[in-house]
N, C-alpha and C. Protein backbone atom coordinates (compact mmCIF):
# COMPACT_ATOMS: atom_id res chain seq x y z
N MET A 1 0.86 -1.25 0.07
CA MET A 1 -0.26 0.02 0.13
C MET A 1 0.97 1.32 0.09
N LEU A 2 0.65 2.20 -0.97
CA LEU A 2 1.27 3.55 -1.00
C LEU A 2 0.86 4.25 0.32
N PRO A 3 1.47 5.25 0.59
CA PRO A 3 1.24 6.40 1.55
C PRO A 3 -0.23 6.85 1.31
N ILE A 4 -1.04 6.72 2.41
CA ILE A 4 -2.46 7.06 2.35
C ILE A 4 -2.86 8.60 1.71
N ASN A 5 -1.60 9.41 1.85
CA ASN A 5 -2.08 10.66 1.12
C ASN A 5 -2.23 10.55 -0.39
N SER A 6 -1.74 9.64 -0.90
CA SER A 6 -1.54 9.42 -2.54
C SER A 6 -3.21 9.12 -3.04
N TYR A 7 -3.68 8.56 -1.98
CA TYR A 7 -5.09 8.10 -2.28
C TYR A 7 -6.33 8.76 -2.31
N ILE A 8 -5.97 9.89 -1.59
CA ILE A 8 -6.92 11.14 -1.32
C ILE A 8 -7.18 12.12 -1.96
N ASP A 9 -8.74 12.28 -2.34
CA ASP A 9 -9.24 13.26 -2.94
C ASP A 9 -9.81 14.07 -2.05
N HIS A 10 -9.06 15.16 -1.59
CA HIS A 10 -9.44 16.15 -0.55
C HIS A 10 -10.75 17.03 -1.13
N THR A 11 -11.68 16.73 -0.06
CA THR A 11 -13.06 17.07 -0.65
C THR A 11 -13.85 18.28 0.13
N PHE A 12 -14.57 19.16 -0.30
CA PHE A 12 -15.41 20.17 0.30
C PHE A 12 -16.54 20.39 -0.58
N LEU A 13 -17.58 19.74 -0.15
CA LEU A 13 -18.84 19.74 -1.00
C LEU A 13 -20.07 20.39 -0.37
N LYS A 14 -19.92 21.19 0.77
CA LYS A 14 -21.08 21.59 1.52
C LYS A 14 -21.76 22.72 0.52
N PRO A 15 -22.85 22.86 0.61
CA PRO A 15 -23.61 23.83 -0.28
C PRO A 15 -23.42 25.42 0.00
N ASP A 16 -22.80 25.45 1.47
CA ASP A 16 -22.51 26.84 1.62
C ASP A 16 -20.96 27.17 1.61
N ALA A 17 -20.34 26.47 0.74
CA ALA A 17 -18.78 26.35 0.65
C ALA A 17 -18.63 27.95 0.35
N THR A 18 -17.67 28.52 1.20
CA THR A 18 -16.78 29.73 0.73
C THR A 18 -15.68 29.67 -0.18
N VAL A 19 -15.25 30.83 -0.36
CA VAL A 19 -14.05 30.80 -1.21
C VAL A 19 -12.95 30.63 -0.22
N GLN A 20 -13.17 31.17 1.09
CA GLN A 20 -11.74 30.73 1.97
C GLN A 20 -11.75 29.53 2.47
N GLN A 21 -12.95 28.79 2.48
CA GLN A 21 -12.87 27.40 2.69
C GLN A 21 -12.28 26.47 1.69
N ILE A 22 -12.57 26.90 0.56
CA ILE A 22 -11.77 26.31 -0.58
C ILE A 22 -10.29 26.63 -0.89
N GLU A 23 -9.97 27.89 -0.54
CA GLU A 23 -8.53 28.16 -0.47
C GLU A 23 -7.68 27.32 0.63
N ASN A 24 -8.39 27.12 1.93
CA ASN A 24 -7.82 26.28 2.99
C ASN A 24 -7.66 25.01 2.41
N LEU A 25 -8.69 24.53 1.70
CA LEU A 25 -8.49 23.07 0.83
C LEU A 25 -7.50 22.83 0.31
N CYS A 26 -7.35 23.79 -0.48
CA CYS A 26 -6.04 23.51 -1.47
C CYS A 26 -4.75 23.86 -0.75
N LYS A 27 -4.69 24.73 0.31
CA LYS A 27 -3.68 24.73 0.97
C LYS A 27 -3.00 23.18 1.65
N GLU A 28 -4.46 22.77 2.03
CA GLU A 28 -4.00 21.49 2.80
C GLU A 28 -3.40 20.56 1.87
N ALA A 29 -4.05 20.51 0.56
CA ALA A 29 -3.90 19.51 -0.57
C ALA A 29 -2.43 19.84 -0.90
N ILE A 30 -1.93 20.72 -0.93
CA ILE A 30 -0.56 21.26 -1.27
C ILE A 30 0.40 20.86 -0.33
N GLU A 31 -0.01 20.95 1.05
CA GLU A 31 0.79 20.63 2.22
C GLU A 31 1.01 18.87 2.53
N TYR A 32 -0.10 18.28 2.20
CA TYR A 32 -0.11 16.83 2.43
C TYR A 32 0.01 16.17 1.27
N LYS A 33 0.11 16.96 0.07
CA LYS A 33 0.42 16.25 -1.33
C LYS A 33 -0.66 15.10 -1.54
N PHE A 34 -2.14 15.68 -1.54
CA PHE A 34 -3.26 14.67 -1.85
C PHE A 34 -3.26 14.71 -3.54
N ALA A 35 -3.88 13.62 -3.80
CA ALA A 35 -3.76 13.25 -5.17
C ALA A 35 -4.82 14.54 -6.11
N ALA A 36 -6.00 14.90 -5.06
CA ALA A 36 -6.70 15.50 -5.95
C ALA A 36 -7.49 16.67 -5.04
N VAL A 37 -8.16 17.58 -5.29
CA VAL A 37 -9.47 18.08 -4.48
C VAL A 37 -10.41 18.31 -5.33
N CYS A 38 -11.47 17.84 -4.52
CA CYS A 38 -12.91 17.41 -5.31
C CYS A 38 -13.80 18.82 -4.65
N ILE A 39 -14.57 19.55 -5.50
CA ILE A 39 -15.00 20.92 -5.24
C ILE A 39 -16.39 21.10 -6.07
N PRO A 40 -17.26 21.98 -5.82
CA PRO A 40 -18.28 22.53 -6.67
C PRO A 40 -17.66 23.12 -7.84
N PRO A 41 -18.33 23.00 -9.13
CA PRO A 41 -17.94 23.58 -10.21
C PRO A 41 -17.75 24.92 -10.19
N LEU A 42 -18.34 25.54 -9.14
CA LEU A 42 -18.15 26.94 -8.89
C LEU A 42 -16.88 27.51 -8.75
N TYR A 43 -15.74 26.64 -8.39
CA TYR A 43 -14.66 26.99 -7.82
C TYR A 43 -13.55 26.46 -8.61
N ILE A 44 -13.72 25.76 -9.83
CA ILE A 44 -12.62 25.31 -10.62
C ILE A 44 -11.68 26.08 -10.77
N LYS A 45 -12.09 27.16 -11.42
CA LYS A 45 -10.84 28.44 -11.66
C LYS A 45 -10.12 28.66 -10.91
N LYS A 46 -10.55 29.02 -9.68
CA LYS A 46 -9.95 29.38 -8.42
C LYS A 46 -9.05 28.23 -7.85
N VAL A 47 -9.52 27.08 -8.03
CA VAL A 47 -8.68 26.03 -7.38
C VAL A 47 -7.36 25.51 -8.46
N LYS A 48 -7.85 25.84 -9.74
CA LYS A 48 -6.73 25.66 -10.80
C LYS A 48 -5.76 26.44 -10.55
N GLU A 49 -5.82 27.81 -10.43
CA GLU A 49 -5.05 29.15 -9.90
C GLU A 49 -4.17 28.65 -8.89
N ILE A 50 -4.83 28.14 -7.71
CA ILE A 50 -3.96 27.79 -6.66
C ILE A 50 -3.22 26.69 -6.74
N LEU A 51 -3.59 25.76 -7.46
CA LEU A 51 -2.67 24.43 -7.50
C LEU A 51 -1.82 24.41 -8.80
N LEU A 52 -1.77 25.67 -9.57
CA LEU A 52 -0.76 25.82 -10.49
C LEU A 52 0.61 25.27 -10.31
N ASN A 53 1.32 24.46 -11.04
CA ASN A 53 2.66 24.21 -10.92
C ASN A 53 2.56 23.22 -9.84
N THR A 54 1.75 22.36 -9.28
CA THR A 54 1.50 21.33 -8.54
C THR A 54 0.82 20.18 -9.53
N SER A 55 1.32 18.60 -8.76
CA SER A 55 0.71 17.63 -9.66
C SER A 55 -0.74 17.19 -8.94
N ILE A 56 -1.25 18.41 -8.27
CA ILE A 56 -2.69 17.71 -7.73
C ILE A 56 -3.73 18.12 -8.63
N LYS A 57 -4.73 17.01 -8.78
CA LYS A 57 -5.56 17.10 -9.87
C LYS A 57 -7.05 18.27 -9.37
N THR A 58 -7.52 18.61 -10.13
CA THR A 58 -8.85 19.19 -9.74
C THR A 58 -10.19 18.67 -10.19
N ALA A 59 -10.75 17.99 -9.37
CA ALA A 59 -11.93 17.29 -9.59
C ALA A 59 -13.18 18.11 -9.28
N ALA A 60 -14.32 18.18 -10.19
CA ALA A 60 -15.67 18.76 -10.08
C ALA A 60 -16.64 18.03 -10.09
N VAL A 61 -17.58 18.05 -9.22
CA VAL A 61 -18.90 17.44 -9.42
C VAL A 61 -19.64 17.80 -10.27
N ILE A 62 -20.61 16.70 -10.87
CA ILE A 62 -21.37 17.15 -11.79
C ILE A 62 -22.86 16.37 -11.50
N GLY A 63 -23.91 17.19 -11.71
CA GLY A 63 -25.43 16.28 -11.22
C GLY A 63 -25.55 16.16 -9.88
N PHE A 64 -24.79 16.80 -9.17
CA PHE A 64 -24.59 16.74 -7.59
C PHE A 64 -25.52 17.55 -6.92
N PRO A 65 -26.05 16.76 -5.71
CA PRO A 65 -25.75 15.49 -5.43
C PRO A 65 -26.82 14.32 -5.62
N LEU A 66 -28.05 14.65 -6.32
CA LEU A 66 -28.97 13.65 -6.66
C LEU A 66 -29.06 13.20 -7.96
N GLY A 67 -28.50 13.60 -8.90
CA GLY A 67 -28.36 12.64 -9.96
C GLY A 67 -29.36 12.74 -10.96
N TYR A 68 -30.44 13.33 -10.90
CA TYR A 68 -31.49 13.09 -11.58
C TYR A 68 -31.88 14.37 -12.69
N SER A 69 -30.87 15.12 -12.75
CA SER A 69 -30.96 16.52 -13.69
C SER A 69 -30.78 15.67 -14.94
N ALA A 70 -31.45 16.21 -16.02
CA ALA A 70 -31.61 15.74 -17.48
C ALA A 70 -30.01 15.48 -18.05
N ILE A 71 -29.92 14.41 -19.14
CA ILE A 71 -28.71 14.07 -19.60
C ILE A 71 -27.98 15.60 -20.16
N GLU A 72 -28.94 16.19 -20.97
CA GLU A 72 -28.44 17.59 -21.28
C GLU A 72 -27.81 18.72 -20.41
N ALA A 73 -28.39 18.69 -19.42
CA ALA A 73 -28.15 19.39 -18.30
C ALA A 73 -26.59 19.04 -17.70
N LYS A 74 -26.45 17.84 -17.51
CA LYS A 74 -25.05 17.22 -17.23
C LYS A 74 -24.05 17.46 -18.16
N VAL A 75 -24.55 17.28 -19.49
CA VAL A 75 -23.60 17.69 -20.62
C VAL A 75 -23.25 19.19 -20.44
N ALA A 76 -24.15 19.83 -20.09
CA ALA A 76 -23.95 21.56 -20.19
C ALA A 76 -22.73 21.75 -19.00
N GLU A 77 -22.94 20.94 -17.80
CA GLU A 77 -21.99 20.92 -16.48
C GLU A 77 -20.77 20.49 -17.17
N ILE A 78 -20.65 19.39 -17.92
CA ILE A 78 -19.47 18.86 -18.02
C ILE A 78 -18.52 19.71 -19.07
N VAL A 79 -19.24 20.30 -19.83
CA VAL A 79 -18.38 21.07 -20.98
C VAL A 79 -17.95 22.61 -20.26
N LEU A 80 -18.81 23.07 -19.29
CA LEU A 80 -18.31 24.23 -18.71
C LEU A 80 -17.22 23.83 -17.70
N ALA A 81 -17.34 22.77 -17.01
CA ALA A 81 -16.30 22.44 -16.14
C ALA A 81 -14.97 22.09 -16.90
N MET A 82 -15.09 21.53 -18.04
CA MET A 82 -13.76 21.31 -18.83
C MET A 82 -13.23 22.60 -19.47
N VAL A 83 -14.21 23.52 -19.73
CA VAL A 83 -13.69 24.76 -20.37
C VAL A 83 -12.93 25.74 -19.15
N ASP A 84 -13.51 25.41 -17.66
CA ASP A 84 -12.83 25.79 -16.56
C ASP A 84 -11.33 25.14 -16.26
N GLU A 85 -11.26 23.94 -17.14
CA GLU A 85 -10.12 23.05 -17.15
C GLU A 85 -9.94 22.30 -16.03
N ALA A 86 -11.17 21.75 -15.26
CA ALA A 86 -11.17 20.51 -14.45
C ALA A 86 -10.54 19.54 -15.23
N ASP A 87 -9.78 18.73 -14.07
CA ASP A 87 -9.20 17.62 -14.71
C ASP A 87 -10.07 16.30 -14.81
N GLU A 88 -10.69 16.31 -13.59
CA GLU A 88 -11.69 15.01 -13.62
C GLU A 88 -13.17 15.43 -13.28
N LEU A 89 -13.87 14.53 -13.49
CA LEU A 89 -15.33 14.75 -13.33
C LEU A 89 -16.21 13.72 -12.87
N ASP A 90 -16.61 14.29 -11.36
CA ASP A 90 -17.36 12.99 -10.44
C ASP A 90 -18.74 13.41 -10.96
N MET A 91 -19.38 12.35 -11.30
CA MET A 91 -20.75 12.70 -12.19
C MET A 91 -21.76 11.77 -11.16
N VAL A 92 -22.64 12.35 -10.75
CA VAL A 92 -23.74 11.37 -10.33
C VAL A 92 -24.88 10.87 -11.24
N ILE A 93 -24.80 9.47 -11.30
CA ILE A 93 -25.46 8.83 -12.08
C ILE A 93 -27.10 9.11 -11.80
N ASN A 94 -28.24 8.59 -12.70
CA ASN A 94 -29.44 8.83 -12.34
C ASN A 94 -30.12 7.68 -11.59
N ILE A 95 -29.96 7.69 -10.24
CA ILE A 95 -30.28 6.73 -9.51
C ILE A 95 -32.07 6.44 -9.74
N SER A 96 -32.79 7.46 -9.93
CA SER A 96 -34.07 7.23 -10.08
C SER A 96 -34.26 6.21 -11.42
N ALA A 97 -33.55 6.30 -12.39
CA ALA A 97 -33.63 5.56 -13.67
C ALA A 97 -33.38 4.11 -13.03
N ILE A 98 -32.33 3.89 -12.39
CA ILE A 98 -32.10 2.41 -11.83
C ILE A 98 -33.30 2.23 -11.23
N LYS A 99 -33.98 2.76 -10.20
CA LYS A 99 -34.92 2.27 -9.25
C LYS A 99 -36.01 2.06 -10.09
N ASN A 100 -36.26 2.46 -11.40
CA ASN A 100 -37.39 2.26 -12.19
C ASN A 100 -36.98 1.18 -13.28
N ASN A 101 -35.76 0.71 -13.02
CA ASN A 101 -35.34 -0.44 -13.89
C ASN A 101 -34.95 -0.02 -15.05
N ASP A 102 -34.91 1.27 -15.64
CA ASP A 102 -34.57 1.78 -17.03
C ASP A 102 -33.36 1.82 -17.27
N TRP A 103 -32.69 0.60 -17.45
CA TRP A 103 -31.22 0.41 -17.72
C TRP A 103 -30.72 1.17 -19.08
N ASN A 104 -31.78 1.23 -20.18
CA ASN A 104 -31.29 1.69 -21.28
C ASN A 104 -31.12 3.38 -21.24
N PHE A 105 -31.77 4.03 -20.13
CA PHE A 105 -31.60 5.40 -19.75
C PHE A 105 -29.96 5.47 -19.27
N ILE A 106 -29.78 4.68 -18.27
CA ILE A 106 -28.62 4.53 -17.80
C ILE A 106 -27.49 4.56 -18.79
N ALA A 107 -27.67 3.68 -19.91
CA ALA A 107 -26.55 3.33 -20.78
C ALA A 107 -26.42 4.39 -21.70
N ASN A 108 -27.75 5.17 -22.23
CA ASN A 108 -27.83 6.26 -23.21
C ASN A 108 -27.02 7.24 -22.29
N GLU A 109 -27.28 7.67 -21.02
CA GLU A 109 -26.74 8.50 -20.45
C GLU A 109 -25.09 8.67 -20.41
N ILE A 110 -24.46 7.42 -20.03
CA ILE A 110 -23.25 7.56 -20.13
C ILE A 110 -22.53 7.44 -21.56
N ASN A 111 -23.35 6.79 -22.38
CA ASN A 111 -22.76 6.82 -23.60
C ASN A 111 -22.78 8.13 -24.59
N THR A 112 -23.70 9.17 -24.02
CA THR A 112 -23.78 10.23 -24.63
C THR A 112 -22.38 10.97 -23.84
N ILE A 113 -22.19 10.91 -22.69
CA ILE A 113 -21.44 11.68 -22.12
C ILE A 113 -19.74 11.33 -22.31
N ILE A 114 -19.75 10.00 -22.41
CA ILE A 114 -18.33 9.61 -22.45
C ILE A 114 -17.48 10.16 -23.52
N PRO A 115 -17.80 10.08 -24.87
CA PRO A 115 -17.25 10.59 -26.02
C PRO A 115 -16.80 12.22 -25.69
N ILE A 116 -17.41 12.97 -24.94
CA ILE A 116 -17.65 14.33 -24.78
C ILE A 116 -16.05 14.44 -23.82
N ILE A 117 -16.14 13.60 -22.84
CA ILE A 117 -15.03 13.69 -21.77
C ILE A 117 -13.66 13.19 -22.43
N LYS A 118 -13.82 11.84 -23.08
CA LYS A 118 -12.71 11.46 -23.56
C LYS A 118 -12.17 12.23 -24.80
N ASN A 119 -12.90 12.89 -25.41
CA ASN A 119 -12.49 14.04 -26.52
C ASN A 119 -11.46 14.91 -25.77
N ARG A 120 -11.51 15.34 -24.65
CA ARG A 120 -10.69 16.15 -23.79
C ARG A 120 -10.06 15.81 -22.94
N ASN A 121 -9.68 14.17 -23.29
CA ASN A 121 -8.49 13.31 -22.10
C ASN A 121 -8.92 13.61 -20.79
N LYS A 122 -10.16 13.70 -20.67
CA LYS A 122 -10.41 13.98 -18.95
C LYS A 122 -10.96 12.91 -18.29
N ILE A 123 -10.85 12.77 -16.84
CA ILE A 123 -11.09 11.49 -16.22
C ILE A 123 -12.64 11.63 -15.94
N ILE A 124 -13.50 10.65 -16.12
CA ILE A 124 -14.81 10.69 -15.39
C ILE A 124 -15.01 9.55 -14.22
N LYS A 125 -15.45 9.88 -13.49
CA LYS A 125 -15.81 9.19 -12.16
C LYS A 125 -17.33 8.74 -12.08
N VAL A 126 -18.07 7.96 -12.13
CA VAL A 126 -19.54 7.58 -11.97
C VAL A 126 -19.81 7.55 -10.76
N ILE A 127 -20.67 8.29 -10.09
CA ILE A 127 -21.15 8.03 -8.62
C ILE A 127 -22.34 7.18 -8.37
N ILE A 128 -22.18 6.09 -8.19
CA ILE A 128 -23.48 5.12 -8.28
C ILE A 128 -24.54 5.15 -7.13
N GLU A 129 -24.16 5.71 -5.91
CA GLU A 129 -24.56 5.79 -4.65
C GLU A 129 -24.89 4.34 -4.01
N SER A 130 -23.82 3.65 -4.14
CA SER A 130 -23.90 2.27 -3.46
C SER A 130 -24.90 1.80 -2.26
N GLY A 131 -24.89 2.92 -1.54
CA GLY A 131 -25.60 2.64 -0.32
C GLY A 131 -27.19 2.63 -0.38
N ILE A 132 -27.51 2.93 -1.39
CA ILE A 132 -29.18 2.64 -1.74
C ILE A 132 -29.48 1.77 -2.82
N LEU A 133 -28.26 1.19 -3.20
CA LEU A 133 -28.63 0.17 -4.29
C LEU A 133 -28.42 -1.17 -3.97
N THR A 134 -29.14 -1.98 -4.34
CA THR A 134 -28.99 -3.80 -4.05
C THR A 134 -27.58 -4.10 -4.73
N ASP A 135 -27.05 -5.10 -4.40
CA ASP A 135 -26.09 -6.02 -5.07
C ASP A 135 -26.28 -6.22 -6.41
N ASP A 136 -27.43 -6.54 -6.87
CA ASP A 136 -27.71 -6.95 -7.96
C ASP A 136 -27.59 -5.43 -9.09
N GLU A 137 -28.18 -4.52 -8.52
CA GLU A 137 -28.31 -3.06 -9.01
C GLU A 137 -26.71 -2.72 -9.32
N ILE A 138 -25.69 -2.85 -8.13
CA ILE A 138 -24.60 -2.49 -8.47
C ILE A 138 -23.72 -3.46 -9.37
N ILE A 139 -23.88 -4.53 -9.54
CA ILE A 139 -23.47 -5.42 -10.39
C ILE A 139 -23.92 -5.13 -11.63
N LYS A 140 -25.14 -4.72 -11.98
CA LYS A 140 -25.28 -4.05 -13.34
C LYS A 140 -25.05 -3.00 -13.67
N CYS A 141 -24.47 -2.13 -12.68
CA CYS A 141 -23.96 -0.79 -12.98
C CYS A 141 -22.50 -1.28 -13.41
N CYS A 142 -21.84 -2.06 -12.97
CA CYS A 142 -20.50 -2.54 -13.30
C CYS A 142 -20.20 -2.93 -14.71
N ASP A 143 -21.35 -3.82 -15.09
CA ASP A 143 -21.63 -4.15 -16.41
C ASP A 143 -21.59 -3.07 -17.25
N ILE A 144 -22.66 -1.89 -17.13
CA ILE A 144 -22.91 -1.15 -18.22
C ILE A 144 -21.75 0.10 -18.20
N TYR A 145 -21.35 0.51 -17.00
CA TYR A 145 -20.02 1.12 -16.72
C TYR A 145 -18.87 0.85 -17.51
N GLY A 146 -18.85 -0.61 -17.45
CA GLY A 146 -17.49 -1.35 -17.80
C GLY A 146 -17.49 -1.39 -19.46
N ALA A 147 -18.61 -1.49 -19.87
CA ALA A 147 -18.80 -1.47 -21.39
C ALA A 147 -18.57 0.07 -22.00
N ALA A 148 -19.06 1.03 -21.15
CA ALA A 148 -18.85 2.47 -21.59
C ALA A 148 -17.40 2.97 -21.68
N GLY A 149 -16.74 2.43 -20.70
CA GLY A 149 -15.50 2.74 -20.61
C GLY A 149 -14.96 3.92 -19.66
N VAL A 150 -15.76 3.98 -18.47
CA VAL A 150 -15.55 5.14 -17.59
C VAL A 150 -14.07 4.64 -16.83
N ASP A 151 -13.53 5.86 -16.29
CA ASP A 151 -12.31 5.53 -15.58
C ASP A 151 -12.59 5.16 -14.00
N TYR A 152 -13.33 5.71 -13.47
CA TYR A 152 -13.60 5.25 -12.06
C TYR A 152 -15.04 4.91 -11.76
N ILE A 153 -15.57 3.77 -11.10
CA ILE A 153 -16.99 3.93 -10.16
C ILE A 153 -16.58 4.09 -8.86
N LYS A 154 -17.35 5.15 -8.46
CA LYS A 154 -17.32 5.97 -7.20
C LYS A 154 -18.34 5.32 -6.48
N THR A 155 -18.19 5.19 -4.96
CA THR A 155 -19.41 4.64 -4.25
C THR A 155 -20.38 5.55 -4.05
N SER A 156 -20.16 6.73 -3.73
CA SER A 156 -21.20 7.46 -2.86
C SER A 156 -20.92 9.01 -2.99
N THR A 157 -21.91 9.89 -2.79
CA THR A 157 -22.07 11.23 -2.85
C THR A 157 -21.48 11.86 -1.37
N GLY A 158 -21.82 11.07 -0.42
CA GLY A 158 -21.72 11.65 0.98
C GLY A 158 -22.79 12.12 1.45
N TYR A 159 -23.85 12.03 0.70
CA TYR A 159 -25.33 12.62 1.02
C TYR A 159 -26.06 11.60 1.37
N ALA A 160 -26.05 10.40 0.92
CA ALA A 160 -27.17 9.50 1.19
C ALA A 160 -27.09 9.00 2.88
N GLU A 161 -27.86 8.28 3.19
CA GLU A 161 -27.63 7.73 5.06
C GLU A 161 -26.38 7.01 4.95
N LYS A 162 -25.87 6.11 3.65
CA LYS A 162 -24.91 5.12 3.93
C LYS A 162 -23.88 5.48 2.74
N GLY A 163 -22.73 5.55 3.23
CA GLY A 163 -21.67 5.82 2.35
C GLY A 163 -20.87 4.61 1.98
N ALA A 164 -19.62 4.68 1.78
CA ALA A 164 -18.81 3.76 1.44
C ALA A 164 -18.70 2.81 2.31
N THR A 165 -18.73 1.50 2.01
CA THR A 165 -18.60 0.11 2.74
C THR A 165 -17.60 -0.64 2.02
N VAL A 166 -16.87 -1.62 2.86
CA VAL A 166 -15.81 -2.50 2.39
C VAL A 166 -16.64 -3.62 1.43
N HIS A 167 -17.78 -3.97 1.71
CA HIS A 167 -18.69 -4.71 0.85
C HIS A 167 -18.69 -4.23 -0.52
N ALA A 168 -19.07 -2.99 -0.49
CA ALA A 168 -19.43 -2.39 -1.92
C ALA A 168 -18.28 -2.24 -2.62
N VAL A 169 -17.11 -2.25 -1.80
CA VAL A 169 -15.86 -1.93 -2.66
C VAL A 169 -15.51 -3.57 -3.44
N LYS A 170 -15.52 -4.31 -2.37
CA LYS A 170 -15.19 -5.67 -2.85
C LYS A 170 -16.18 -6.04 -3.92
N LEU A 171 -17.47 -5.83 -3.70
CA LEU A 171 -18.39 -6.01 -5.16
C LEU A 171 -18.22 -5.58 -6.32
N ILE A 172 -17.75 -4.40 -6.19
CA ILE A 172 -17.28 -3.51 -7.52
C ILE A 172 -16.13 -4.20 -8.20
N ARG A 173 -15.17 -4.50 -7.26
CA ARG A 173 -13.84 -5.10 -7.86
C ARG A 173 -14.01 -6.33 -8.32
N ALA A 174 -15.04 -7.02 -7.58
CA ALA A 174 -15.16 -8.55 -8.49
C ALA A 174 -16.04 -8.40 -9.63
N HIS A 175 -16.90 -7.22 -9.95
CA HIS A 175 -17.66 -7.45 -11.16
C HIS A 175 -17.24 -6.21 -12.25
N ALA A 176 -16.36 -5.32 -11.67
CA ALA A 176 -16.24 -4.21 -12.81
C ALA A 176 -14.87 -4.97 -13.56
N ALA A 177 -14.74 -4.26 -14.97
CA ALA A 177 -13.86 -4.27 -15.63
C ALA A 177 -12.46 -4.18 -15.04
N GLU A 178 -11.19 -5.03 -15.21
CA GLU A 178 -10.04 -4.65 -14.70
C GLU A 178 -9.50 -3.37 -14.79
N ALA A 179 -9.80 -2.80 -15.96
CA ALA A 179 -9.54 -1.05 -16.23
C ALA A 179 -9.96 -0.29 -15.47
N ILE A 180 -11.06 -0.66 -14.89
CA ILE A 180 -11.98 0.54 -14.02
C ILE A 180 -11.34 0.31 -12.73
N LYS A 181 -11.07 1.78 -12.22
CA LYS A 181 -10.59 1.88 -10.82
C LYS A 181 -11.83 1.98 -10.00
N ILE A 182 -11.53 2.17 -8.73
CA ILE A 182 -12.64 2.45 -7.69
C ILE A 182 -12.44 3.55 -6.99
N LYS A 183 -13.27 4.47 -6.59
CA LYS A 183 -13.30 5.33 -5.63
C LYS A 183 -14.05 5.35 -4.70
N ALA A 184 -13.64 5.20 -3.36
CA ALA A 184 -14.65 5.11 -2.07
C ALA A 184 -14.87 6.34 -1.52
N SER A 185 -16.09 6.76 -1.30
CA SER A 185 -16.26 8.12 -0.62
C SER A 185 -17.73 7.81 0.13
N GLY A 186 -17.67 8.86 1.24
CA GLY A 186 -18.77 8.93 1.89
C GLY A 186 -18.38 8.38 3.45
N GLY A 187 -18.36 9.36 4.40
CA GLY A 187 -18.17 8.53 5.57
C GLY A 187 -16.95 8.07 6.22
N ILE A 188 -15.69 8.26 5.30
CA ILE A 188 -14.35 7.78 5.64
C ILE A 188 -13.66 8.84 6.76
N LYS A 189 -13.77 8.39 7.77
CA LYS A 189 -13.41 9.30 8.74
C LYS A 189 -12.21 8.87 9.62
N THR A 190 -11.67 7.76 9.45
CA THR A 190 -10.28 7.04 10.08
C THR A 190 -9.49 6.68 9.28
N TYR A 191 -8.29 6.35 9.62
CA TYR A 191 -7.42 5.80 8.88
C TYR A 191 -7.38 4.43 8.81
N GLN A 192 -7.86 3.57 9.95
CA GLN A 192 -8.32 2.51 9.89
C GLN A 192 -9.43 2.08 8.69
N PHE A 193 -10.41 2.79 8.54
CA PHE A 193 -11.44 2.58 7.77
C PHE A 193 -10.80 2.72 6.08
N ALA A 194 -10.05 3.80 5.98
CA ALA A 194 -9.53 4.17 4.81
C ALA A 194 -8.65 2.70 4.54
N LYS A 195 -7.78 2.35 5.23
CA LYS A 195 -7.06 1.22 4.92
C LYS A 195 -7.73 -0.05 4.47
N GLU A 196 -8.92 -0.25 5.26
CA GLU A 196 -9.54 -1.25 4.93
C GLU A 196 -10.15 -1.29 3.48
N LEU A 197 -10.75 0.17 3.30
CA LEU A 197 -11.34 0.09 1.81
C LEU A 197 -10.20 0.00 0.65
N ILE A 198 -8.96 0.36 0.85
CA ILE A 198 -7.93 0.33 0.00
C ILE A 198 -7.67 -1.19 -0.21
N GLU A 199 -7.53 -1.79 0.88
CA GLU A 199 -7.32 -3.34 0.85
C GLU A 199 -8.34 -4.09 0.32
N ALA A 200 -9.47 -3.38 0.19
CA ALA A 200 -10.78 -4.05 -0.52
C ALA A 200 -10.77 -3.85 -1.94
N GLY A 201 -9.91 -2.96 -2.41
CA GLY A 201 -9.86 -2.68 -3.87
C GLY A 201 -9.78 -1.17 -4.30
N ALA A 202 -10.28 -0.11 -3.35
CA ALA A 202 -10.11 1.07 -3.82
C ALA A 202 -8.94 1.83 -4.10
N ASP A 203 -8.98 2.46 -5.24
CA ASP A 203 -7.83 3.05 -5.70
C ASP A 203 -7.79 4.67 -5.36
N ARG A 204 -8.72 5.38 -5.04
CA ARG A 204 -8.84 6.58 -4.66
C ARG A 204 -9.92 6.59 -3.47
N LEU A 205 -9.71 7.63 -2.63
CA LEU A 205 -10.45 7.81 -1.24
C LEU A 205 -11.23 9.47 -1.41
N GLY A 206 -12.27 9.51 -1.29
CA GLY A 206 -12.89 11.00 -1.23
C GLY A 206 -13.07 11.12 0.16
N CYS A 207 -12.42 12.19 0.94
CA CYS A 207 -12.45 12.30 2.15
C CYS A 207 -12.43 14.08 2.59
N SER A 208 -13.34 14.24 3.56
CA SER A 208 -13.07 15.63 3.97
C SER A 208 -12.33 15.66 5.26
N ASN A 209 -12.22 14.57 5.83
CA ASN A 209 -11.62 14.38 7.12
C ASN A 209 -9.92 13.80 6.69
N SER A 210 -9.35 14.31 5.66
CA SER A 210 -8.24 13.82 5.06
C SER A 210 -7.11 14.14 5.98
N VAL A 211 -6.93 15.39 6.63
CA VAL A 211 -5.57 15.69 7.33
C VAL A 211 -5.54 14.73 8.57
N GLN A 212 -6.89 14.53 9.21
CA GLN A 212 -6.89 13.83 10.51
C GLN A 212 -6.43 12.38 10.02
N ILE A 213 -6.77 12.12 8.85
CA ILE A 213 -6.73 10.34 8.49
C ILE A 213 -4.87 10.26 8.22
N VAL A 214 -4.44 11.48 7.59
CA VAL A 214 -2.97 11.24 7.25
C VAL A 214 -2.29 11.18 8.82
N LYS A 215 -2.82 11.95 9.48
CA LYS A 215 -2.07 12.21 11.02
C LYS A 215 -2.02 10.82 11.80
N GLU A 216 -3.24 10.18 11.61
CA GLU A 216 -3.32 8.87 12.38
C GLU A 216 -2.55 7.86 11.56
N SER A 217 -2.21 7.99 10.32
CA SER A 217 -1.32 7.09 9.46
C SER A 217 -0.14 7.05 9.87
N MET A 218 0.42 8.12 10.72
CA MET A 218 1.90 8.48 11.12
C MET A 218 2.11 7.88 12.46
N LYS A 219 1.04 7.42 13.34
CA LYS A 219 0.89 7.12 14.52
C LYS A 219 1.71 5.74 14.67
């Protein structure tokens, strides 16, 4: 296992996020050498400016946090985020479509979006909100997003009652194409839990408690 900081997307996605809080987030990311910062689209330009000349990626959320905005609305968000030079796009899928068993919609949504992102060589992480899906629904997501060629399947927004679990990460790892990475997020508050998720197969961790997790790892 690599040092824990190299797995972390340092995250601040509260609806009342201020410029000062985002600036602090970036300063911490630079100090602790996190993999990325994950922020609302409003702050992409500011984050890119602060992280200039570092290797830290800028990740912006799309269709966040509920995922049921129209495909066209998500496309517009993605295009604007890429214009602002986001490196990675963490997009909430349409969970309502899954619960309606409308897998054609799910496939159409991602197949509409993937070419736009890949044409600009950006990274796409699809947030499936695993805590409110059944195992069968998670497996079906692995099939569809694997066929579409996403970069990451991400467990959670952090807004559902249940966030990342070792079970969900293991299930995704067992059923997703080998090339697809996993981002675990939602409720990761301790180094021990972060370590368990990585050992289960997570390649990235979305954390707001990142600094404390790194400090715990040094004990």
